[in-house]
């Protein structure tokens, strides 16, 4: 199970979704629920407009996904 103790920020691009963000950042769309949990005010959003700043988890250790490329890591 993936665990995190801190978070970073991700700014959406047009047409992002929670599962697409999770897949792009971590290689695992199932981690989208963690992003939703950090951003309850956006839990009803299906498709984002560009420019929305979301909190995203910074995982402690293995997420079960392949290594995330540095340019895809949360800022």
PDB file of N, CA and C in Angstrom:
ATOM      1  N   UNK A   1       0.841  -1.176   0.000  1.00  0.00           N
ATOM      2  CA  UNK A   1       0.000   0.000   0.000  1.00  0.00           C
ATOM      3  C   UNK A   1       0.889   1.243   0.000  1.00  0.00           C
ATOM      4  N   UNK A   2       0.533   2.220  -0.795  1.00  0.00           N
ATOM      5  CA  UNK A   2       1.275   3.462  -0.874  1.00  0.00           C
ATOM      6  C   UNK A   2       0.916   4.357   0.303  1.00  0.00           C
ATOM      7  N   UNK A   3       1.938   4.932   0.933  1.00  0.00           N
ATOM      8  CA  UNK A   3       1.697   5.862   2.021  1.00  0.00           C
ATOM      9  C   UNK A   3       2.413   7.167   1.719  1.00  0.00           C
ATOM     10  N   UNK A   4       1.850   8.249   2.227  1.00  0.00           N
ATOM     11  CA  UNK A   4       2.486   9.537   2.046  1.00  0.00           C
ATOM     12  C   UNK A   4       2.347  10.345   3.327  1.00  0.00           C
ATOM     13  N   UNK A   5       3.313  11.222   3.551  1.00  0.00           N
ATOM     14  CA  UNK A   5       3.282  12.056   4.743  1.00  0.00           C
ATOM     15  C   UNK A   5       3.359  13.537   4.395  1.00  0.00           C
ATOM     16  N   UNK A   6       3.498  13.840   3.117  1.00  0.00           N
ATOM     17  CA  UNK A   6       3.533  15.225   2.691  1.00  0.00           C
ATOM     18  C   UNK A   6       2.910  15.337   1.309  1.00  0.00           C
ATOM     19  N   UNK A   7       2.779  16.551   0.854  1.00  0.00           N
ATOM     20  CA  UNK A   7       2.199  16.758  -0.465  1.00  0.00           C
ATOM     21  C   UNK A   7       2.898  17.906  -1.175  1.00  0.00           C
ATOM     22  N   UNK A   8       2.753  17.894  -2.492  1.00  0.00           N
ATOM     23  CA  UNK A   8       3.238  18.965  -3.341  1.00  0.00           C
ATOM     24  C   UNK A   8       2.049  19.551  -4.079  1.00  0.00           C
ATOM     25  N   UNK A   9       2.326  20.294  -5.124  1.00  0.00           N
ATOM     26  CA  UNK A   9       1.260  20.925  -5.894  1.00  0.00           C
ATOM     27  C   UNK A   9       1.385  20.567  -7.362  1.00  0.00           C
ATOM     28  N   UNK A  10       0.231  20.491  -8.005  1.00  0.00           N
ATOM     29  CA  UNK A  10       0.151  20.215  -9.433  1.00  0.00           C
ATOM     30  C   UNK A  10      -0.842  21.207 -10.016  1.00  0.00           C
ATOM     31  N   UNK A  11      -0.474  21.861 -11.098  1.00  0.00           N
ATOM     32  CA  UNK A  11      -1.379  22.777 -11.782  1.00  0.00           C
ATOM     33  C   UNK A  11      -1.939  22.075 -13.010  1.00  0.00           C
ATOM     34  N   UNK A  12      -3.255  22.029 -13.085  1.00  0.00           N
ATOM     35  CA  UNK A  12      -3.911  21.271 -14.145  1.00  0.00           C
ATOM     36  C   UNK A  12      -3.744  21.935 -15.510  1.00  0.00           C
ATOM     37  N   UNK A  13      -3.844  21.097 -16.525  1.00  0.00           N
ATOM     38  CA  UNK A  13      -3.960  21.565 -17.894  1.00  0.00           C
ATOM     39  C   UNK A  13      -5.383  21.256 -18.344  1.00  0.00           C
ATOM     40  N   UNK A  14      -5.812  21.888 -19.402  1.00  0.00           N
ATOM     41  CA  UNK A  14      -7.166  21.689 -19.912  1.00  0.00           C
ATOM     42  C   UNK A  14      -7.460  20.205 -20.126  1.00  0.00           C
ATOM     43  N   UNK A  15      -8.575  19.749 -19.622  1.00  0.00           N
ATOM     44  CA  UNK A  15      -9.084  18.377 -19.785  1.00  0.00           C
ATOM     45  C   UNK A  15      -8.424  17.355 -18.874  1.00  0.00           C
ATOM     46  N   UNK A  16      -7.627  17.767 -17.890  1.00  0.00           N
ATOM     47  CA  UNK A  16      -7.104  16.817 -16.907  1.00  0.00           C
ATOM     48  C   UNK A  16      -8.253  16.200 -16.116  1.00  0.00           C
ATOM     49  N   UNK A  17      -8.048  14.979 -15.670  1.00  0.00           N
ATOM     50  CA  UNK A  17      -8.959  14.297 -14.754  1.00  0.00           C
ATOM     51  C   UNK A  17      -8.111  13.744 -13.612  1.00  0.00           C
ATOM     52  N   UNK A  18      -8.754  13.398 -12.495  1.00  0.00           N
ATOM     53  CA  UNK A  18      -7.990  12.863 -11.372  1.00  0.00           C
ATOM     54  C   UNK A  18      -7.201  11.613 -11.765  1.00  0.00           C
ATOM     55  N   UNK A  19      -7.845  10.707 -12.496  1.00  0.00           N
ATOM     56  CA  UNK A  19      -7.141   9.469 -12.847  1.00  0.00           C
ATOM     57  C   UNK A  19      -6.017   9.712 -13.854  1.00  0.00           C
ATOM     58  N   UNK A  20      -6.191  10.662 -14.749  1.00  0.00           N
ATOM     59  CA  UNK A  20      -5.128  10.995 -15.696  1.00  0.00           C
ATOM     60  C   UNK A  20      -3.936  11.621 -14.971  1.00  0.00           C
ATOM     61  N   UNK A  21      -4.218  12.491 -14.014  1.00  0.00           N
ATOM     62  CA  UNK A  21      -3.143  13.100 -13.229  1.00  0.00           C
ATOM     63  C   UNK A  21      -2.377  12.026 -12.466  1.00  0.00           C
ATOM     64  N   UNK A  22      -3.103  11.122 -11.811  1.00  0.00           N
ATOM     65  CA  UNK A  22      -2.456  10.043 -11.053  1.00  0.00           C
ATOM     66  C   UNK A  22      -1.609   9.166 -11.970  1.00  0.00           C
ATOM     67  N   UNK A  23      -2.122   8.853 -13.135  1.00  0.00           N
ATOM     68  CA  UNK A  23      -1.361   8.027 -14.069  1.00  0.00           C
ATOM     69  C   UNK A  23      -0.114   8.761 -14.560  1.00  0.00           C
ATOM     70  N   UNK A  24      -0.270  10.043 -14.898  1.00  0.00           N
ATOM     71  CA  UNK A  24       0.873  10.822 -15.385  1.00  0.00           C
ATOM     72  C   UNK A  24       1.947  10.978 -14.322  1.00  0.00           C
ATOM     73  N   UNK A  25       1.538  11.227 -13.072  1.00  0.00           N
ATOM     74  CA  UNK A  25       2.515  11.462 -12.014  1.00  0.00           C
ATOM     75  C   UNK A  25       3.129  10.185 -11.457  1.00  0.00           C
ATOM     76  N   UNK A  26       2.296   9.143 -11.304  1.00  0.00           N
ATOM     77  CA  UNK A  26       2.735   7.946 -10.580  1.00  0.00           C
ATOM     78  C   UNK A  26       2.690   6.662 -11.402  1.00  0.00           C
ATOM     79  N   UNK A  27       2.122   6.732 -12.604  1.00  0.00           N
ATOM     80  CA  UNK A  27       1.998   5.536 -13.413  1.00  0.00           C
ATOM     81  C   UNK A  27       0.911   4.595 -12.927  1.00  0.00           C
ATOM     82  N   UNK A  28      -0.024   5.117 -12.118  1.00  0.00           N
ATOM     83  CA  UNK A  28      -1.074   4.281 -11.527  1.00  0.00           C
ATOM     84  C   UNK A  28      -2.330   5.120 -11.319  1.00  0.00           C
ATOM     85  N   UNK A  29      -3.319   4.923 -12.167  1.00  0.00           N
ATOM     86  CA  UNK A  29      -4.557   5.702 -12.079  1.00  0.00           C
ATOM     87  C   UNK A  29      -5.338   5.435 -10.797  1.00  0.00           C
ATOM     88  N   UNK A  30      -5.075   4.308 -10.152  1.00  0.00           N
ATOM     89  CA  UNK A  30      -5.795   3.977  -8.915  1.00  0.00           C
ATOM     90  C   UNK A  30      -5.380   4.851  -7.738  1.00  0.00           C
ATOM     91  N   UNK A  31      -4.305   5.591  -7.877  1.00  0.00           N
ATOM     92  CA  UNK A  31      -3.886   6.518  -6.829  1.00  0.00           C
ATOM     93  C   UNK A  31      -4.665   7.834  -6.901  1.00  0.00           C
ATOM     94  N   UNK A  32      -5.586   7.939  -7.847  1.00  0.00           N
ATOM     95  CA  UNK A  32      -6.426   9.135  -7.968  1.00  0.00           C
ATOM     96  C   UNK A  32      -7.214   9.397  -6.698  1.00  0.00           C
ATOM     97  N   UNK A  33      -7.615   8.360  -5.996  1.00  0.00           N
ATOM     98  CA  UNK A  33      -8.402   8.545  -4.769  1.00  0.00           C
ATOM     99  C   UNK A  33      -7.612   9.318  -3.716  1.00  0.00           C
ATOM    100  N   UNK A  34      -6.292   9.168  -3.694  1.00  0.00           N
ATOM    101  CA  UNK A  34      -5.465   9.933  -2.757  1.00  0.00           C
ATOM    102  C   UNK A  34      -5.455  11.417  -3.124  1.00  0.00           C
ATOM    103  N   UNK A  35      -5.442  11.707  -4.408  1.00  0.00           N
ATOM    104  CA  UNK A  35      -5.484  13.100  -4.854  1.00  0.00           C
ATOM    105  C   UNK A  35      -6.840  13.709  -4.514  1.00  0.00           C
ATOM    106  N   UNK A  36      -7.903  12.977  -4.739  1.00  0.00           N
ATOM    107  CA  UNK A  36      -9.241  13.459  -4.391  1.00  0.00           C
ATOM    108  C   UNK A  36      -9.331  13.735  -2.890  1.00  0.00           C
ATOM    109  N   UNK A  37      -8.782  12.840  -2.073  1.00  0.00           N
ATOM    110  CA  UNK A  37      -8.834  13.002  -0.615  1.00  0.00           C
ATOM    111  C   UNK A  37      -8.129  14.283  -0.159  1.00  0.00           C
ATOM    112  N   UNK A  38      -7.076  14.682  -0.861  1.00  0.00           N
ATOM    113  CA  UNK A  38      -6.362  15.914  -0.522  1.00  0.00           C
ATOM    114  C   UNK A  38      -7.059  17.163  -1.038  1.00  0.00           C
ATOM    115  N   UNK A  39      -8.029  16.984  -1.926  1.00  0.00           N
ATOM    116  CA  UNK A  39      -8.712  18.110  -2.568  1.00  0.00           C
ATOM    117  C   UNK A  39     -10.221  17.934  -2.542  1.00  0.00           C
ATOM    118  N   UNK A  40     -10.824  17.816  -1.358  1.00  0.00           N
ATOM    119  CA  UNK A  40     -12.262  17.528  -1.285  1.00  0.00           C
ATOM    120  C   UNK A  40     -13.139  18.582  -1.958  1.00  0.00           C
ATOM    121  N   UNK A  41     -12.648  19.813  -2.038  1.00  0.00           N
ATOM    122  CA  UNK A  41     -13.434  20.864  -2.682  1.00  0.00           C
ATOM    123  C   UNK A  41     -13.609  20.635  -4.178  1.00  0.00           C
ATOM    124  N   UNK A  42     -12.792  19.761  -4.758  1.00  0.00           N
ATOM    125  CA  UNK A  42     -12.877  19.438  -6.188  1.00  0.00           C
ATOM    126  C   UNK A  42     -13.386  18.021  -6.437  1.00  0.00           C
ATOM    127  N   UNK A  43     -13.878  17.353  -5.429  1.00  0.00           N
ATOM    128  CA  UNK A  43     -14.260  15.944  -5.567  1.00  0.00           C
ATOM    129  C   UNK A  43     -15.356  15.724  -6.614  1.00  0.00           C
ATOM    130  N   UNK A  44     -16.140  16.727  -6.914  1.00  0.00           N
ATOM    131  CA  UNK A  44     -17.198  16.589  -7.919  1.00  0.00           C
ATOM    132  C   UNK A  44     -16.760  16.922  -9.334  1.00  0.00           C
ATOM    133  N   UNK A  45     -15.525  17.360  -9.492  1.00  0.00           N
ATOM    134  CA  UNK A  45     -15.022  17.714 -10.823  1.00  0.00           C
ATOM    135  C   UNK A  45     -14.703  16.452 -11.617  1.00  0.00           C
ATOM    136  N   UNK A  46     -15.209  16.398 -12.823  1.00  0.00           N
ATOM    137  CA  UNK A  46     -14.873  15.277 -13.703  1.00  0.00           C
ATOM    138  C   UNK A  46     -13.722  15.643 -14.629  1.00  0.00           C
ATOM    139  N   UNK A  47     -13.783  16.850 -15.188  1.00  0.00           N
ATOM    140  CA  UNK A  47     -12.755  17.324 -16.111  1.00  0.00           C
ATOM    141  C   UNK A  47     -12.361  18.731 -15.676  1.00  0.00           C
ATOM    142  N   UNK A  48     -11.069  18.957 -15.509  1.00  0.00           N
ATOM    143  CA  UNK A  48     -10.581  20.243 -15.036  1.00  0.00           C
ATOM    144  C   UNK A  48     -10.312  21.222 -16.165  1.00  0.00           C
ATOM    145  N   UNK A  49     -10.488  22.495 -15.853  1.00  0.00           N
ATOM    146  CA  UNK A  49      -9.998  23.566 -16.708  1.00  0.00           C
ATOM    147  C   UNK A  49      -8.510  23.720 -16.421  1.00  0.00           C
ATOM    148  N   UNK A  50      -7.819  24.433 -17.272  1.00  0.00           N
ATOM    149  CA  UNK A  50      -6.404  24.707 -17.042  1.00  0.00           C
ATOM    150  C   UNK A  50      -6.243  25.668 -15.873  1.00  0.00           C
ATOM    151  N   UNK A  51      -5.165  25.491 -15.106  1.00  0.00           N
ATOM    152  CA  UNK A  51      -4.806  26.447 -14.079  1.00  0.00           C
ATOM    153  C   UNK A  51      -5.311  26.179 -12.679  1.00  0.00           C
ATOM    154  N   UNK A  52      -5.927  25.027 -12.435  1.00  0.00           N
ATOM    155  CA  UNK A  52      -6.387  24.693 -11.085  1.00  0.00           C
ATOM    156  C   UNK A  52      -5.215  24.086 -10.321  1.00  0.00           C
ATOM    157  N   UNK A  53      -4.930  24.634  -9.152  1.00  0.00           N
ATOM    158  CA  UNK A  53      -3.821  24.112  -8.347  1.00  0.00           C
ATOM    159  C   UNK A  53      -4.348  23.058  -7.377  1.00  0.00           C
ATOM    160  N   UNK A  54      -3.832  21.847  -7.494  1.00  0.00           N
ATOM    161  CA  UNK A  54      -4.232  20.735  -6.643  1.00  0.00           C
ATOM    162  C   UNK A  54      -3.073  20.295  -5.765  1.00  0.00           C
ATOM    163  N   UNK A  55      -3.400  19.818  -4.581  1.00  0.00           N
ATOM    164  CA  UNK A  55      -2.409  19.154  -3.743  1.00  0.00           C
ATOM    165  C   UNK A  55      -2.272  17.725  -4.254  1.00  0.00           C
ATOM    166  N   UNK A  56      -1.048  17.233  -4.318  1.00  0.00           N
ATOM    167  CA  UNK A  56      -0.807  15.852  -4.730  1.00  0.00           C
ATOM    168  C   UNK A  56       0.150  15.198  -3.747  1.00  0.00           C
ATOM    169  N   UNK A  57      -0.075  13.926  -3.422  1.00  0.00           N
ATOM    170  CA  UNK A  57       0.772  13.258  -2.436  1.00  0.00           C
ATOM    171  C   UNK A  57       2.203  13.065  -2.918  1.00  0.00           C
ATOM    172  N   UNK A  58       3.117  13.156  -1.972  1.00  0.00           N
ATOM    173  CA  UNK A  58       4.502  12.745  -2.198  1.00  0.00           C
ATOM    174  C   UNK A  58       4.652  11.466  -1.384  1.00  0.00           C
ATOM    175  N   UNK A  59       4.807  10.368  -2.074  1.00  0.00           N
ATOM    176  CA  UNK A  59       4.768   9.054  -1.439  1.00  0.00           C
ATOM    177  C   UNK A  59       6.069   8.689  -0.749  1.00  0.00           C
ATOM    178  N   UNK A  60       5.921   8.010   0.389  1.00  0.00           N
ATOM    179  CA  UNK A  60       7.044   7.477   1.150  1.00  0.00           C
ATOM    180  C   UNK A  60       7.333   6.080   0.631  1.00  0.00           C
ATOM    181  N   UNK A  61       8.366   5.951  -0.171  1.00  0.00           N
ATOM    182  CA  UNK A  61       8.704   4.627  -0.681  1.00  0.00           C
ATOM    183  C   UNK A  61       7.920   4.250  -1.910  1.00  0.00           C
ATOM    184  N   UNK A  62       7.662   2.968  -2.047  1.00  0.00           N
ATOM    185  CA  UNK A  62       7.079   2.379  -3.243  1.00  0.00           C
ATOM    186  C   UNK A  62       5.587   2.629  -3.345  1.00  0.00           C
ATOM    187  N   UNK A  63       5.153   3.117  -4.501  1.00  0.00           N
ATOM    188  CA  UNK A  63       3.720   3.281  -4.758  1.00  0.00           C
ATOM    189  C   UNK A  63       3.149   2.058  -5.460  1.00  0.00           C
ATOM    190  N   UNK A  64       4.028   1.112  -5.779  1.00  0.00           N
ATOM    191  CA  UNK A  64       3.583  -0.033  -6.563  1.00  0.00           C
ATOM    192  C   UNK A  64       3.712   0.245  -8.049  1.00  0.00           C
ATOM    193  N   UNK A  65       4.116   1.459  -8.392  1.00  0.00           N
ATOM    194  CA  UNK A  65       4.267   1.868  -9.783  1.00  0.00           C
ATOM    195  C   UNK A  65       5.738   1.906 -10.142  1.00  0.00           C
ATOM    196  N   UNK A  66       5.994   2.075 -11.417  1.00  0.00           N
ATOM    197  CA  UNK A  66       7.374   2.220 -11.857  1.00  0.00           C
ATOM    198  C   UNK A  66       7.902   3.559 -11.387  1.00  0.00           C
ATOM    199  N   UNK A  67       9.185   3.731 -11.442  1.00  0.00           N
ATOM    200  CA  UNK A  67       9.805   4.980 -11.016  1.00  0.00           C
ATOM    201  C   UNK A  67       9.262   6.138 -11.840  1.00  0.00           C
ATOM    202  N   UNK A  68       8.924   7.215 -11.152  1.00  0.00           N
ATOM    203  CA  UNK A  68       8.376   8.388 -11.809  1.00  0.00           C
ATOM    204  C   UNK A  68       9.520   9.257 -12.305  1.00  0.00           C
ATOM    205  N   UNK A  69       9.436   9.647 -13.553  1.00  0.00           N
ATOM    206  CA  UNK A  69      10.464  10.501 -14.135  1.00  0.00           C
ATOM    207  C   UNK A  69      10.499  11.839 -13.399  1.00  0.00           C
ATOM    208  N   UNK A  70      11.661  12.441 -13.239  1.00  0.00           N
ATOM    209  CA  UNK A  70      11.775  13.689 -12.473  1.00  0.00           C
ATOM    210  C   UNK A  70      10.849  14.798 -12.948  1.00  0.00           C
ATOM    211  N   UNK A  71      10.641  14.930 -14.262  1.00  0.00           N
ATOM    212  CA  UNK A  71       9.789  15.996 -14.775  1.00  0.00           C
ATOM    213  C   UNK A  71       8.304  15.720 -14.527  1.00  0.00           C
ATOM    214  N   UNK A  72       7.944  14.526 -14.081  1.00  0.00           N
ATOM    215  CA  UNK A  72       6.564  14.205 -13.788  1.00  0.00           C
ATOM    216  C   UNK A  72       6.251  14.231 -12.302  1.00  0.00           C
ATOM    217  N   UNK A  73       7.258  14.468 -11.488  1.00  0.00           N
ATOM    218  CA  UNK A  73       7.059  14.505 -10.041  1.00  0.00           C
ATOM    219  C   UNK A  73       6.344  15.795  -9.667  1.00  0.00           C
ATOM    220  N   UNK A  74       5.549  15.757  -8.594  1.00  0.00           N
ATOM    221  CA  UNK A  74       4.864  16.974  -8.157  1.00  0.00           C
ATOM    222  C   UNK A  74       5.860  18.073  -7.812  1.00  0.00           C
ATOM    223  N   UNK A  75       5.470  19.296  -8.044  1.00  0.00           N
ATOM    224  CA  UNK A  75       6.331  20.429  -7.714  1.00  0.00           C
ATOM    225  C   UNK A  75       6.050  20.869  -6.302  1.00  0.00           C
TER     226      UNK A  75
END
